[in-house]
C-alpha atoms as a PDB file:
ATOM      1  CA  MET A   1       0.000   0.000   0.000  1.00  0.00           C
ATOM      2  CA  SER A   2       2.987   2.344   0.475  1.00  0.00           C
ATOM      3  CA  LEU A   3       4.168   1.911  -3.122  1.00  0.00           C
ATOM      4  CA  PRO A   4       3.974   5.004  -5.370  1.00  0.00           C
ATOM      5  CA  GLY A   5       0.809   5.068  -7.473  1.00  0.00           C
ATOM      6  CA  PHE A   6      -0.951   2.439  -5.366  1.00  0.00           C
ATOM      7  CA  TRP A   7      -4.087   4.552  -4.974  1.00  0.00           C
ATOM      8  CA  ASP A   8      -4.233   5.405  -8.699  1.00  0.00           C
ATOM      9  CA  ASN A   9      -5.851   2.054  -9.454  1.00  0.00           C
ATOM     10  CA  SER A  10      -9.051   2.164  -7.402  1.00  0.00           C
ATOM     11  CA  GLU A  11     -10.100  -1.409  -8.254  1.00  0.00           C
ATOM     12  CA  ASN A  12      -6.772  -2.887  -7.162  1.00  0.00           C
ATOM     13  CA  SER A  13      -6.470  -0.680  -4.080  1.00  0.00           C
ATOM     14  CA  THR A  14      -9.968  -1.633  -2.927  1.00  0.00           C
ATOM     15  CA  LYS A  15      -9.096  -5.310  -3.272  1.00  0.00           C
ATOM     16  CA  VAL A  16      -5.849  -4.925  -1.289  1.00  0.00           C
ATOM     17  CA  VAL A  17      -7.509  -2.877   1.470  1.00  0.00           C
ATOM     18  CA  LYS A  18     -10.192  -5.536   1.760  1.00  0.00           C
ATOM     19  CA  GLU A  19      -7.530  -8.251   2.044  1.00  0.00           C
ATOM     20  CA  LEU A  20      -5.671  -6.230   4.695  1.00  0.00           C
ATOM     21  CA  LYS A  21      -8.874  -5.867   6.686  1.00  0.00           C
ATOM     22  CA  ARG A  22      -9.476  -9.635   6.473  1.00  0.00           C
ATOM     23  CA  LEU A  23      -5.947 -10.455   7.638  1.00  0.00           C
ATOM     24  CA  LYS A  24      -6.171  -7.952  10.492  1.00  0.00           C
ATOM     25  CA  SER A  25      -9.441  -9.511  11.614  1.00  0.00           C
ATOM     26  CA  MET A  26      -7.543 -12.815  11.961  1.00  0.00           C
ATOM     27  CA  ALA A  27      -4.261 -11.543  13.451  1.00  0.00           C
ATOM     28  CA  GLU A  28      -5.364  -8.825  15.873  1.00  0.00           C
ATOM     29  CA  PRO A  29      -7.687 -10.984  18.040  1.00  0.00           C
ATOM     30  CA  TRP A  30      -4.871 -13.538  18.440  1.00  0.00           C
ATOM     31  CA  GLN A  31      -2.377 -10.808  19.366  1.00  0.00           C
ATOM     32  CA  LYS A  32      -4.752  -9.380  21.967  1.00  0.00           C
ATOM     33  CA  ALA A  33      -5.428 -12.842  23.408  1.00  0.00           C
ATOM     34  CA  ASN A  34      -1.696 -13.585  23.565  1.00  0.00           C
ATOM     35  CA  GLN A  35      -1.047 -10.298  25.366  1.00  0.00           C
ATOM     36  CA  LYS A  36      -3.882 -10.985  27.811  1.00  0.00           C
ATOM     37  CA  TYR A  37      -2.457 -14.451  28.503  1.00  0.00           C
ATOM     38  CA  ALA A  38       0.970 -12.971  29.279  1.00  0.00           C
ATOM     39  CA  GLU A  39      -0.611 -10.490  31.715  1.00  0.00           C
ATOM     40  CA  LEU A  40      -2.623 -13.202  33.490  1.00  0.00           C
ATOM     41  CA  ASP A  41       0.399 -15.504  33.633  1.00  0.00           C
ATOM     42  CA  GLU A  42       2.434 -12.743  35.255  1.00  0.00           C
ATOM     43  CA  LEU A  43      -0.349 -11.947  37.723  1.00  0.00           C
ATOM     44  CA  ALA A  44      -0.747 -15.629  38.655  1.00  0.00           C
ATOM     45  CA  GLY A  45       2.913 -15.750  39.578  1.00  0.00           C
ATOM     46  CA  ILE A  46       2.716 -12.988  42.179  1.00  0.00           C
ATOM     47  CA  ILE A  47      -0.621 -13.432  43.961  1.00  0.00           C
ATOM     48  CA  THR A  48      -0.956 -15.498  47.136  1.00  0.00           C
ATOM     49  CA  GLU A  49      -3.730 -17.573  48.632  1.00  0.00           C
ATOM     50  CA  THR A  50      -4.726 -14.648  50.862  1.00  0.00           C
ATOM     51  CA  ASP A  51      -5.466 -12.350  47.876  1.00  0.00           C
ATOM     52  CA  LYS A  52      -9.103 -13.414  47.624  1.00  0.00           C
ATOM     53  CA  ASP A  53     -10.216 -10.522  45.413  1.00  0.00           C
ATOM     54  CA  LEU A  54      -7.291 -10.935  43.039  1.00  0.00           C
ATOM     55  CA  ILE A  55      -7.920 -14.678  42.787  1.00  0.00           C
ATOM     56  CA  HIS A  56     -11.586 -14.008  41.997  1.00  0.00           C
ATOM     57  CA  ASN A  57     -10.673 -11.461  39.298  1.00  0.00           C
ATOM     58  CA  LEU A  58      -8.015 -13.776  37.859  1.00  0.00           C
ATOM     59  CA  THR A  59     -10.482 -16.660  37.643  1.00  0.00           C
ATOM     60  CA  SER A  60     -13.032 -14.453  35.856  1.00  0.00           C
ATOM     61  CA  ASP A  61     -10.425 -13.153  33.394  1.00  0.00           C
ATOM     62  CA  ILE A  62      -9.235 -16.697  32.623  1.00  0.00           C
ATOM     63  CA  ALA A  63     -12.816 -17.728  31.861  1.00  0.00           C
ATOM     64  CA  LEU A  64     -13.224 -14.750  29.510  1.00  0.00           C
ATOM     65  CA  LEU A  65      -9.936 -15.529  27.776  1.00  0.00           C
ATOM     66  CA  SER A  66     -10.962 -19.175  27.359  1.00  0.00           C
ATOM     67  CA  GLY A  67     -14.145 -18.031  25.626  1.00  0.00           C
ATOM     68  CA  GLU A  68     -12.166 -15.811  23.265  1.00  0.00           C
ATOM     69  CA  LEU A  69      -9.783 -18.667  22.458  1.00  0.00           C
ATOM     70  CA  GLU A  70     -12.716 -20.926  21.613  1.00  0.00           C
ATOM     71  CA  LYS A  71     -13.936 -18.305  19.121  1.00  0.00           C
ATOM     72  CA  LEU A  72     -10.460 -18.084  17.603  1.00  0.00           C
ATOM     73  CA  GLU A  73     -10.248 -21.864  17.351  1.00  0.00           C
ATOM     74  CA  PHE A  74     -13.600 -21.923  15.567  1.00  0.00           C
ATOM     75  CA  LYS A  75     -12.305 -19.360  13.040  1.00  0.00           C
ATOM     76  CA  THR A  76      -9.532 -21.811  12.067  1.00  0.00           C
ATOM     77  CA  LEU A  77     -12.252 -24.149  10.786  1.00  0.00           C
ATOM     78  CA  LEU A  78     -13.059 -21.530   8.141  1.00  0.00           C
ATOM     79  CA  SER A  79      -9.903 -21.880   6.072  1.00  0.00           C
ATOM     80  CA  GLN A  80     -11.143 -23.129   2.700  1.00  0.00           C
ATOM     81  CA  GLU A  81     -10.703 -21.088  -0.480  1.00  0.00           C
ATOM     82  CA  PHE A  82     -14.006 -19.185  -0.423  1.00  0.00           C
ATOM     83  CA  ASP A  83     -14.944 -19.393   3.251  1.00  0.00           C
ATOM     84  CA  ALA A  84     -14.314 -15.667   3.779  1.00  0.00           C
ATOM     85  CA  ASN A  85     -16.699 -14.714   0.932  1.00  0.00           C
ATOM     86  CA  SER A  86     -20.293 -13.578   0.999  1.00  0.00           C
ATOM     87  CA  ALA A  87     -22.922 -16.237   0.286  1.00  0.00           C
ATOM     88  CA  ILE A  88     -25.657 -16.662  -2.319  1.00  0.00           C
ATOM     89  CA  LEU A  89     -28.356 -18.815  -0.727  1.00  0.00           C
ATOM     90  CA  SER A  90     -31.350 -20.318  -2.554  1.00  0.00           C
ATOM     91  CA  ILE A  91     -34.347 -22.132  -1.054  1.00  0.00           C
ATOM     92  CA  ASN A  92     -36.745 -24.225  -3.156  1.00  0.00           C
ATOM     93  CA  ALA A  93     -40.020 -25.822  -2.110  1.00  0.00           C
ATOM     94  CA  GLY A  94     -40.351 -29.584  -2.436  1.00  0.00           C
ATOM     95  CA  ALA A  95     -43.495 -31.576  -3.156  1.00  0.00           C
ATOM     96  CA  GLY A  96     -46.395 -30.593  -0.960  1.00  0.00           C
ATOM     97  CA  GLY A  97     -47.859 -27.413  -2.418  1.00  0.00           C
ATOM     98  CA  THR A  98     -48.783 -24.743   0.100  1.00  0.00           C
ATOM     99  CA  GLU A  99     -47.210 -26.677   2.975  1.00  0.00           C
ATOM    100  CA  SER A 100     -43.774 -26.671   1.358  1.00  0.00           C
ATOM    101  CA  CYS A 101     -44.100 -23.047   0.262  1.00  0.00           C
ATOM    102  CA  ASP A 102     -44.845 -22.043   3.841  1.00  0.00           C
ATOM    103  CA  TRP A 103     -41.804 -24.039   4.984  1.00  0.00           C
ATOM    104  CA  VAL A 104     -39.632 -22.096   2.518  1.00  0.00           C
ATOM    105  CA  SER A 105     -40.859 -18.805   3.997  1.00  0.00           C
ATOM    106  CA  MET A 106     -40.022 -20.086   7.497  1.00  0.00           C
ATOM    107  CA  LEU A 107     -36.491 -21.063   6.427  1.00  0.00           C
ATOM    108  CA  LEU A 108     -36.071 -17.701   4.686  1.00  0.00           C
ATOM    109  CA  ARG A 109     -36.933 -15.907   7.924  1.00  0.00           C
ATOM    110  CA  MET A 110     -34.502 -18.181   9.800  1.00  0.00           C
ATOM    111  CA  TYR A 111     -31.580 -17.321   7.513  1.00  0.00           C
ATOM    112  CA  ILE A 112     -32.406 -13.609   7.536  1.00  0.00           C
ATOM    113  CA  ARG A 113     -32.368 -13.690  11.356  1.00  0.00           C
ATOM    114  CA  PHE A 114     -29.072 -15.596  11.293  1.00  0.00           C
ATOM    115  CA  GLY A 115     -27.557 -13.000   8.980  1.00  0.00           C
ATOM    116  CA  GLU A 116     -28.779 -10.088  11.086  1.00  0.00           C
ATOM    117  CA  SER A 117     -27.469 -11.629  14.310  1.00  0.00           C
ATOM    118  CA  HIS A 118     -23.988 -11.882  12.741  1.00  0.00           C
ATOM    119  CA  GLY A 119     -23.999  -8.345  11.394  1.00  0.00           C
ATOM    120  CA  TYR A 120     -24.440  -9.411   7.777  1.00  0.00           C
ATOM    121  CA  SER A 121     -26.375  -7.547   5.111  1.00  0.00           C
ATOM    122  CA  VAL A 122     -29.190  -9.632   3.594  1.00  0.00           C
ATOM    123  CA  LYS A 123     -30.574  -8.759   0.174  1.00  0.00           C
ATOM    124  CA  THR A 124     -33.332 -10.551  -1.758  1.00  0.00           C
ATOM    125  CA  LEU A 125     -32.306 -11.138  -5.376  1.00  0.00           C
ATOM    126  CA  ASP A 126     -35.226 -13.174  -6.681  1.00  0.00           C
ATOM    127  CA  MET A 127     -38.461 -14.513  -5.207  1.00  0.00           C
ATOM    128  CA  LEU A 128     -41.453 -16.424  -6.524  1.00  0.00           C
ATOM    129  CA  GLU A 129     -44.287 -16.435  -4.031  1.00  0.00           C
ATOM    130  CA  GLY A 130     -46.695 -19.347  -3.584  1.00  0.00           C
ATOM    131  CA  GLU A 131     -50.157 -19.230  -5.074  1.00  0.00           C
ATOM    132  CA  GLU A 132     -51.927 -19.372  -1.700  1.00  0.00           C
ATOM    133  CA  ALA A 133     -49.208 -18.679   0.858  1.00  0.00           C
ATOM    134  CA  GLY A 134     -45.470 -18.822   1.393  1.00  0.00           C
ATOM    135  CA  VAL A 135     -42.700 -18.840  -1.196  1.00  0.00           C
ATOM    136  CA  LYS A 136     -41.966 -21.342  -3.989  1.00  0.00           C
ATOM    137  CA  ASN A 137     -38.339 -20.324  -4.370  1.00  0.00           C
ATOM    138  CA  VAL A 138     -36.116 -17.474  -3.284  1.00  0.00           C
ATOM    139  CA  THR A 139     -32.495 -16.413  -3.712  1.00  0.00           C
ATOM    140  CA  ILE A 140     -30.801 -14.059  -1.269  1.00  0.00           C
ATOM    141  CA  LEU A 141     -27.340 -12.530  -1.026  1.00  0.00           C
ATOM    142  CA  ILE A 142     -25.851 -12.587   2.484  1.00  0.00           C
ATOM    143  CA  GLU A 143     -22.954 -10.135   2.483  1.00  0.00           C
ATOM    144  CA  GLY A 144     -20.223 -10.186   5.100  1.00  0.00           C
ATOM    145  CA  GLU A 145     -16.968 -11.875   6.063  1.00  0.00           C
ATOM    146  CA  TYR A 146     -17.207 -15.673   6.323  1.00  0.00           C
ATOM    147  CA  ALA A 147     -20.895 -15.766   5.394  1.00  0.00           C
ATOM    148  CA  PHE A 148     -20.220 -18.630   2.974  1.00  0.00           C
ATOM    149  CA  GLY A 149     -17.929 -20.376   5.436  1.00  0.00           C
ATOM    150  CA  TYR A 150     -20.761 -20.541   7.937  1.00  0.00           C
ATOM    151  CA  LEU A 151     -23.697 -21.163   5.645  1.00  0.00           C
ATOM    152  CA  LYS A 152     -22.160 -23.877   3.457  1.00  0.00           C
ATOM    153  CA  ALA A 153     -23.208 -26.175   6.308  1.00  0.00           C
ATOM    154  CA  GLU A 154     -26.843 -25.587   5.284  1.00  0.00           C
ATOM    155  CA  ARG A 155     -26.700 -27.239   1.865  1.00  0.00           C
ATOM    156  CA  GLY A 156     -29.196 -30.032   1.442  1.00  0.00           C
ATOM    157  CA  VAL A 157     -32.811 -30.940   2.139  1.00  0.00           C
ATOM    158  CA  HIS A 158     -34.526 -29.647   5.276  1.00  0.00           C
ATOM    159  CA  ARG A 159     -37.519 -31.584   6.616  1.00  0.00           C
ATOM    160  CA  LEU A 160     -40.383 -30.161   8.693  1.00  0.00           C
ATOM    161  CA  VAL A 161     -42.892 -32.174  10.740  1.00  0.00           C
ATOM    162  CA  ARG A 162     -45.799 -30.265  12.315  1.00  0.00           C
ATOM    163  CA  ILE A 163     -49.559 -29.886  12.621  1.00  0.00           C
ATOM    164  CA  SER A 164     -50.519 -28.073   9.453  1.00  0.00           C
ATOM    165  CA  PRO A 165     -52.161 -24.647   9.878  1.00  0.00           C
ATOM    166  CA  PHE A 166     -53.690 -25.210   6.432  1.00  0.00           C
ATOM    167  CA  ASP A 167     -55.410 -28.492   7.378  1.00  0.00           C
ATOM    168  CA  SER A 168     -58.855 -28.017   8.947  1.00  0.00           C
ATOM    169  CA  ASN A 169     -58.572 -31.520  10.422  1.00  0.00           C
ATOM    170  CA  LYS A 170     -55.352 -30.566  12.272  1.00  0.00           C
ATOM    171  CA  ARG A 171     -53.392 -33.497  10.894  1.00  0.00           C
ATOM    172  CA  ARG A 172     -49.624 -33.833  11.040  1.00  0.00           C
ATOM    173  CA  HIS A 173     -47.795 -33.033   7.798  1.00  0.00           C
ATOM    174  CA  THR A 174     -44.237 -33.469   6.560  1.00  0.00           C
ATOM    175  CA  SER A 175     -42.747 -30.836   4.267  1.00  0.00           C
ATOM    176  CA  PHE A 176     -39.432 -30.607   2.441  1.00  0.00           C
ATOM    177  CA  ALA A 177     -37.357 -27.748   1.084  1.00  0.00           C
ATOM    178  CA  SER A 178     -33.891 -27.769  -0.471  1.00  0.00           C
ATOM    179  CA  VAL A 179     -31.230 -25.205   0.360  1.00  0.00           C
ATOM    180  CA  ASP A 180     -28.328 -24.392  -1.955  1.00  0.00           C
ATOM    181  CA  VAL A 181     -25.415 -22.174  -0.917  1.00  0.00           C
ATOM    182  CA  ILE A 182     -22.626 -20.946  -3.176  1.00  0.00           C
ATOM    183  CA  PRO A 183     -19.914 -18.336  -2.570  1.00  0.00           C
ATOM    184  CA  GLU A 184     -20.069 -14.929  -4.172  1.00  0.00           C
ATOM    185  CA  ILE A 185     -16.938 -14.778  -6.312  1.00  0.00           C
ATOM    186  CA  ALA A 186     -14.916 -11.844  -7.604  1.00  0.00           C
ATOM    187  CA  GLU A 187     -15.824 -10.234 -10.899  1.00  0.00           C
ATOM    188  CA  ASP A 188     -12.372 -11.083 -12.256  1.00  0.00           C
ATOM    189  CA  ALA A 189     -12.601 -14.796 -11.432  1.00  0.00           C
ATOM    190  CA  ASP A 190     -11.165 -17.009 -14.169  1.00  0.00           C
ATOM    191  CA  ILE A 191     -14.453 -18.261 -15.616  1.00  0.00           C
ATOM    192  CA  LYS A 192     -15.009 -17.965 -19.343  1.00  0.00           C
ATOM    193  CA  ILE A 193     -18.614 -17.632 -20.481  1.00  0.00           C
ATOM    194  CA  GLU A 194     -19.258 -17.389 -24.206  1.00  0.00           C
ATOM    195  CA  ASP A 195     -22.155 -15.160 -25.321  1.00  0.00           C
ATOM    196  CA  LYS A 196     -23.324 -17.896 -27.702  1.00  0.00           C
ATOM    197  CA  ASP A 197     -23.811 -20.204 -24.714  1.00  0.00           C
ATOM    198  CA  LEU A 198     -26.284 -17.872 -23.018  1.00  0.00           C
ATOM    199  CA  ARG A 199     -30.021 -17.423 -23.477  1.00  0.00           C
ATOM    200  CA  ILE A 200     -31.238 -14.218 -21.869  1.00  0.00           C
ATOM    201  CA  ASP A 201     -34.950 -13.686 -21.198  1.00  0.00           C
ATOM    202  CA  VAL A 202     -36.521 -10.540 -19.762  1.00  0.00           C
ATOM    203  CA  TYR A 203     -39.924 -10.475 -18.090  1.00  0.00           C
ATOM    204  CA  ARG A 204     -41.974  -8.578 -15.572  1.00  0.00           C
ATOM    205  CA  SER A 205     -41.385  -9.236 -11.909  1.00  0.00           C
ATOM    206  CA  LYS A 206     -44.122 -11.366 -10.389  1.00  0.00           C
ATOM    207  CA  GLY A 207     -45.716 -11.071  -6.989  1.00  0.00           C
ATOM    208  CA  ALA A 208     -48.216 -13.252  -5.135  1.00  0.00           C
ATOM    209  CA  GLY A 209     -50.744 -14.968  -7.367  1.00  0.00           C
ATOM    210  CA  GLY A 210     -48.705 -14.195 -10.468  1.00  0.00           C
ATOM    211  CA  GLN A 211     -49.464 -10.460 -10.459  1.00  0.00           C
ATOM    212  CA  SER A 212     -46.870  -8.150 -11.979  1.00  0.00           C
ATOM    213  CA  VAL A 213     -45.236  -5.869  -9.447  1.00  0.00           C
ATOM    214  CA  ASN A 214     -43.947  -3.373 -12.008  1.00  0.00           C
ATOM    215  CA  THR A 215     -44.874  -2.177 -15.471  1.00  0.00           C
ATOM    216  CA  THR A 216     -41.592  -2.828 -17.283  1.00  0.00           C
ATOM    217  CA  ASP A 217     -39.759  -5.956 -18.360  1.00  0.00           C
ATOM    218  CA  SER A 218     -36.911  -5.478 -15.875  1.00  0.00           C
ATOM    219  CA  ALA A 219     -36.520  -9.007 -14.472  1.00  0.00           C
ATOM    220  CA  VAL A 220     -33.805 -11.089 -16.144  1.00  0.00           C
ATOM    221  CA  ARG A 221     -33.346 -14.845 -16.481  1.00  0.00           C
ATOM    222  CA  ILE A 222     -30.087 -16.207 -17.924  1.00  0.00           C
ATOM    223  CA  THR A 223     -29.738 -19.838 -19.003  1.00  0.00           C
ATOM    224  CA  HIS A 224     -26.312 -21.385 -19.602  1.00  0.00           C
ATOM    225  CA  ILE A 225     -27.213 -23.671 -22.489  1.00  0.00           C
ATOM    226  CA  PRO A 226     -24.348 -26.240 -22.191  1.00  0.00           C
ATOM    227  CA  THR A 227     -25.092 -27.009 -18.525  1.00  0.00           C
ATOM    228  CA  GLY A 228     -28.737 -25.961 -18.213  1.00  0.00           C
ATOM    229  CA  ILE A 229     -27.887 -23.827 -15.177  1.00  0.00           C
ATOM    230  CA  VAL A 230     -30.312 -20.937 -14.687  1.00  0.00           C
ATOM    231  CA  ALA A 231     -29.770 -17.675 -12.799  1.00  0.00           C
ATOM    232  CA  GLN A 232     -32.304 -14.929 -12.443  1.00  0.00           C
ATOM    233  CA  CYS A 233     -32.787 -11.627 -10.653  1.00  0.00           C
ATOM    234  CA  GLN A 234     -35.792  -9.331 -10.408  1.00  0.00           C
ATOM    235  CA  ASN A 235     -35.244  -7.138  -7.355  1.00  0.00           C
ATOM    236  CA  GLU A 236     -32.714  -4.631  -8.640  1.00  0.00           C
ATOM    237  CA  ARG A 237     -33.875  -1.232  -9.904  1.00  0.00           C
ATOM    238  CA  SER A 238     -33.145  -1.690 -13.595  1.00  0.00           C
ATOM    239  CA  GLN A 239     -32.886  -4.404 -16.217  1.00  0.00           C
ATOM    240  CA  HIS A 240     -29.138  -3.733 -16.511  1.00  0.00           C
ATOM    241  CA  GLN A 241     -28.601  -4.186 -12.755  1.00  0.00           C
ATOM    242  CA  ASN A 242     -30.697  -7.365 -12.781  1.00  0.00           C
ATOM    243  CA  LYS A 243     -28.644  -8.696 -15.695  1.00  0.00           C
ATOM    244  CA  GLN A 244     -25.354  -7.955 -13.916  1.00  0.00           C
ATOM    245  CA  MET A 245     -26.507  -9.685 -10.741  1.00  0.00           C
ATOM    246  CA  ALA A 246     -27.880 -12.686 -12.676  1.00  0.00           C
ATOM    247  CA  LEU A 247     -24.515 -13.020 -14.451  1.00  0.00           C
ATOM    248  CA  LYS A 248     -22.732 -12.899 -11.106  1.00  0.00           C
ATOM    249  CA  ILE A 249     -24.970 -15.686  -9.758  1.00  0.00           C
ATOM    250  CA  LEU A 250     -24.469 -17.740 -12.944  1.00  0.00           C
ATOM    251  CA  LYS A 251     -20.697 -17.349 -12.739  1.00  0.00           C
ATOM    252  CA  ALA A 252     -20.724 -18.452  -9.090  1.00  0.00           C
ATOM    253  CA  ARG A 253     -22.849 -21.512  -9.905  1.00  0.00           C
ATOM    254  CA  LEU A 254     -20.596 -22.511 -12.804  1.00  0.00           C
ATOM    255  CA  TYR A 255     -17.553 -22.151 -10.567  1.00  0.00           C
ATOM    256  CA  GLU A 256     -19.228 -24.319  -7.940  1.00  0.00           C
ATOM    257  CA  LEU A 257     -20.098 -26.926 -10.575  1.00  0.00           C
ATOM    258  CA  GLU A 258     -16.438 -27.213 -11.578  1.00  0.00           C
ATOM    259  CA  ARG A 259     -15.401 -27.501  -7.935  1.00  0.00           C
ATOM    260  CA  GLU A 260     -17.900 -30.312  -7.356  1.00  0.00           C
ATOM    261  CA  LYS A 261     -16.623 -32.185 -10.406  1.00  0.00           C
ATOM    262  CA  LYS A 262     -13.065 -31.997  -9.076  1.00  0.00           C
ATOM    263  CA  GLU A 263     -14.144 -33.201  -5.631  1.00  0.00           C
ATOM    264  CA  GLU A 264     -16.076 -36.106  -7.118  1.00  0.00           C
ATOM    265  CA  GLU A 265     -13.028 -37.116  -9.150  1.00  0.00           C
ATOM    266  CA  LEU A 266     -10.833 -36.979  -6.047  1.00  0.00           C
ATOM    267  CA  ALA A 267     -13.393 -39.001  -4.138  1.00  0.00           C
ATOM    268  CA  LYS A 268     -13.295 -41.707  -6.806  1.00  0.00           C
ATOM    269  CA  GLN A 269      -9.537 -41.875  -6.405  1.00  0.00           C
ATOM    270  CA  GLY A 270      -9.906 -42.279  -2.653  1.00  0.00           C
ATOM    271  CA  ALA A 271      -8.320 -38.931  -1.879  1.00  0.00           C
ATOM    272  CA  LEU A 272     -11.354 -37.730   0.079  1.00  0.00           C
ATOM    273  CA  LYS A 273     -13.041 -39.666   2.868  1.00  0.00           C
ATOM    274  CA  LYS A 274     -16.151 -37.517   3.005  1.00  0.00           C
ATOM    275  CA  LYS A 275     -19.205 -38.639   1.137  1.00  0.00           C
ATOM    276  CA  ILE A 276     -20.397 -36.217  -1.511  1.00  0.00           C
ATOM    277  CA  GLU A 277     -24.161 -36.112  -1.720  1.00  0.00           C
ATOM    278  CA  TRP A 278     -26.193 -33.300  -3.202  1.00  0.00           C
ATOM    279  CA  GLY A 279     -29.771 -32.947  -2.038  1.00  0.00           C
ATOM    280  CA  SER A 280     -29.598 -35.455   0.801  1.00  0.00           C
ATOM    281  CA  GLN A 281     -31.752 -34.849   3.849  1.00  0.00           C
ATOM    282  CA  ILE A 282     -29.502 -33.112   6.335  1.00  0.00           C
ATOM    283  CA  ARG A 283     -31.798 -31.907   9.108  1.00  0.00           C
ATOM    284  CA  SER A 284     -35.244 -32.511  10.587  1.00  0.00           C
ATOM    285  CA  TYR A 285     -37.321 -29.909  12.398  1.00  0.00           C
ATOM    286  CA  VAL A 286     -40.045 -31.583  14.487  1.00  0.00           C
ATOM    287  CA  MET A 287     -42.786 -29.415  16.012  1.00  0.00           C
ATOM    288  CA  HIS A 288     -45.270 -32.201  16.782  1.00  0.00           C
ATOM    289  CA  PRO A 289     -45.733 -34.431  18.783  1.00  0.00           C
ATOM    290  CA  TYR A 290     -42.550 -33.082  20.461  1.00  0.00           C
ATOM    291  CA  ASN A 291     -40.037 -30.309  19.792  1.00  0.00           C
ATOM    292  CA  MET A 292     -36.685 -31.252  18.312  1.00  0.00           C
ATOM    293  CA  VAL A 293     -34.238 -30.165  15.627  1.00  0.00           C
ATOM    294  CA  LYS A 294     -31.708 -32.824  14.644  1.00  0.00           C
ATOM    295  CA  ASP A 295     -28.858 -32.711  12.161  1.00  0.00           C
ATOM    296  CA  HIS A 296     -28.533 -36.179  10.622  1.00  0.00           C
ATOM    297  CA  ARG A 297     -24.905 -35.678   9.572  1.00  0.00           C
ATOM    298  CA  THR A 298     -23.502 -34.823  12.996  1.00  0.00           C
ATOM    299  CA  GLU A 299     -26.242 -36.154  15.330  1.00  0.00           C
ATOM    300  CA  CYS A 300     -26.304 -32.679  16.898  1.00  0.00           C
ATOM    301  CA  GLU A 301     -29.793 -31.947  18.242  1.00  0.00           C
ATOM    302  CA  THR A 302     -31.750 -29.570  20.441  1.00  0.00           C
ATOM    303  CA  GLY A 303     -35.260 -29.234  21.838  1.00  0.00           C
ATOM    304  CA  ASP A 304     -35.225 -25.443  21.494  1.00  0.00           C
ATOM    305  CA  VAL A 305     -36.943 -25.161  18.110  1.00  0.00           C
ATOM    306  CA  ASP A 306     -37.776 -21.468  18.587  1.00  0.00           C
ATOM    307  CA  LYS A 307     -34.097 -20.600  19.011  1.00  0.00           C
ATOM    308  CA  ILE A 308     -33.207 -22.380  15.758  1.00  0.00           C
ATOM    309  CA  MET A 309     -36.066 -20.816  13.792  1.00  0.00           C
ATOM    310  CA  ASN A 310     -34.909 -17.416  15.025  1.00  0.00           C
ATOM    311  CA  GLY A 311     -31.487 -17.941  13.444  1.00  0.00           C
ATOM    312  CA  GLY A 312     -29.612 -19.628  16.297  1.00  0.00           C
ATOM    313  CA  LEU A 313     -27.760 -22.043  14.010  1.00  0.00           C
ATOM    314  CA  ASP A 314     -24.246 -21.656  15.403  1.00  0.00           C
ATOM    315  CA  GLU A 315     -24.260 -24.934  17.352  1.00  0.00           C
ATOM    316  CA  PHE A 316     -25.218 -26.944  14.249  1.00  0.00           C
ATOM    317  CA  ILE A 317     -22.782 -25.098  11.998  1.00  0.00           C
ATOM    318  CA  GLU A 318     -19.877 -25.563  14.405  1.00  0.00           C
ATOM    319  CA  ALA A 319     -20.605 -29.298  14.747  1.00  0.00           C
ATOM    320  CA  TYR A 320     -20.656 -29.653  10.944  1.00  0.00           C
ATOM    321  CA  LEU A 321     -17.391 -27.764  10.419  1.00  0.00           C
ATOM    322  CA  LYS A 322     -15.613 -29.779  13.112  1.00  0.00           C
ATOM    323  CA  GLN A 323     -16.833 -32.995  11.511  1.00  0.00           C
ATOM    324  CA  GLN A 324     -15.482 -31.889   8.126  1.00  0.00           C
ATOM    325  CA  VAL A 325     -12.034 -31.354   9.660  1.00  0.00           C
ATOM    326  CA  LEU A 326     -12.120 -34.811  11.267  1.00  0.00           C
ATOM    327  CA  ASN A 327     -13.186 -36.413   7.973  1.00  0.00           C
ATOM    328  CA  LYS A 328     -10.102 -35.002   6.245  1.00  0.00           C
ATOM    329  CA  GLU A 329      -7.651 -36.170   8.905  1.00  0.00           C
END
């Protein structure tokens, strides 16, 4: 940053400043913890059994430092290539009509609450509402450091068991929704997309019941013909902005597709112990006849369903990330 002309290139300088900020966020907490440890170690060497107040304060400070070290240890689990990136998260309703659409809206609220509790910015990119209630599918951008690192644990099918509010006979129903999470990648990422491979459709944004929510064809859907991957955006202010965001989503999905292919090839060669499954049921949320949320990959579970539905996913995410580290050892 001290080199002559560094600030002349705004794009490069922004990227470097962002990287510096990320590295500082990793190094400074460790430096502070190390300094605090040295102070406590020195204090422990001079107090005596009669210094009751000092012993009490020392014990409290050690407990606080232990908590900080646990947070730092957890950060080391987020060391993969794109873990520090923002996340593009999509939720799609499974079979079950209104029930599944309502489940999607519940999961959407859960992830928005999770993002807010971690200081992330959450932005809706595309949403198709259900005909009677809920949401058929939705894509959101969760912006902030390590958003992808945390939320990659949410990929897969989520299962809900409850008494249906849409059933006059109050019967128990099971609903499914799939969650997909990909990292937001840099504009200059090495992904070549040929114009001839794209089909671009523009249309009017749709609200509940199929009603148009604006009077211009500003929504954009882009199909990558060779792979069939589709990306769309309707919530930006102009067709150009929607197109740019849809291209960003498409690029991220193509990048993720290539990554998955490489992992599958490594798995075939026995280089990876973890099982690669896309769309497998990862978690059950039971609200009747008892309350329980259980992650089937880690066996982590809790009876506090309200906490989970309000975005309290940290326990499940941490268990998943720790398991991934163990699987690679």
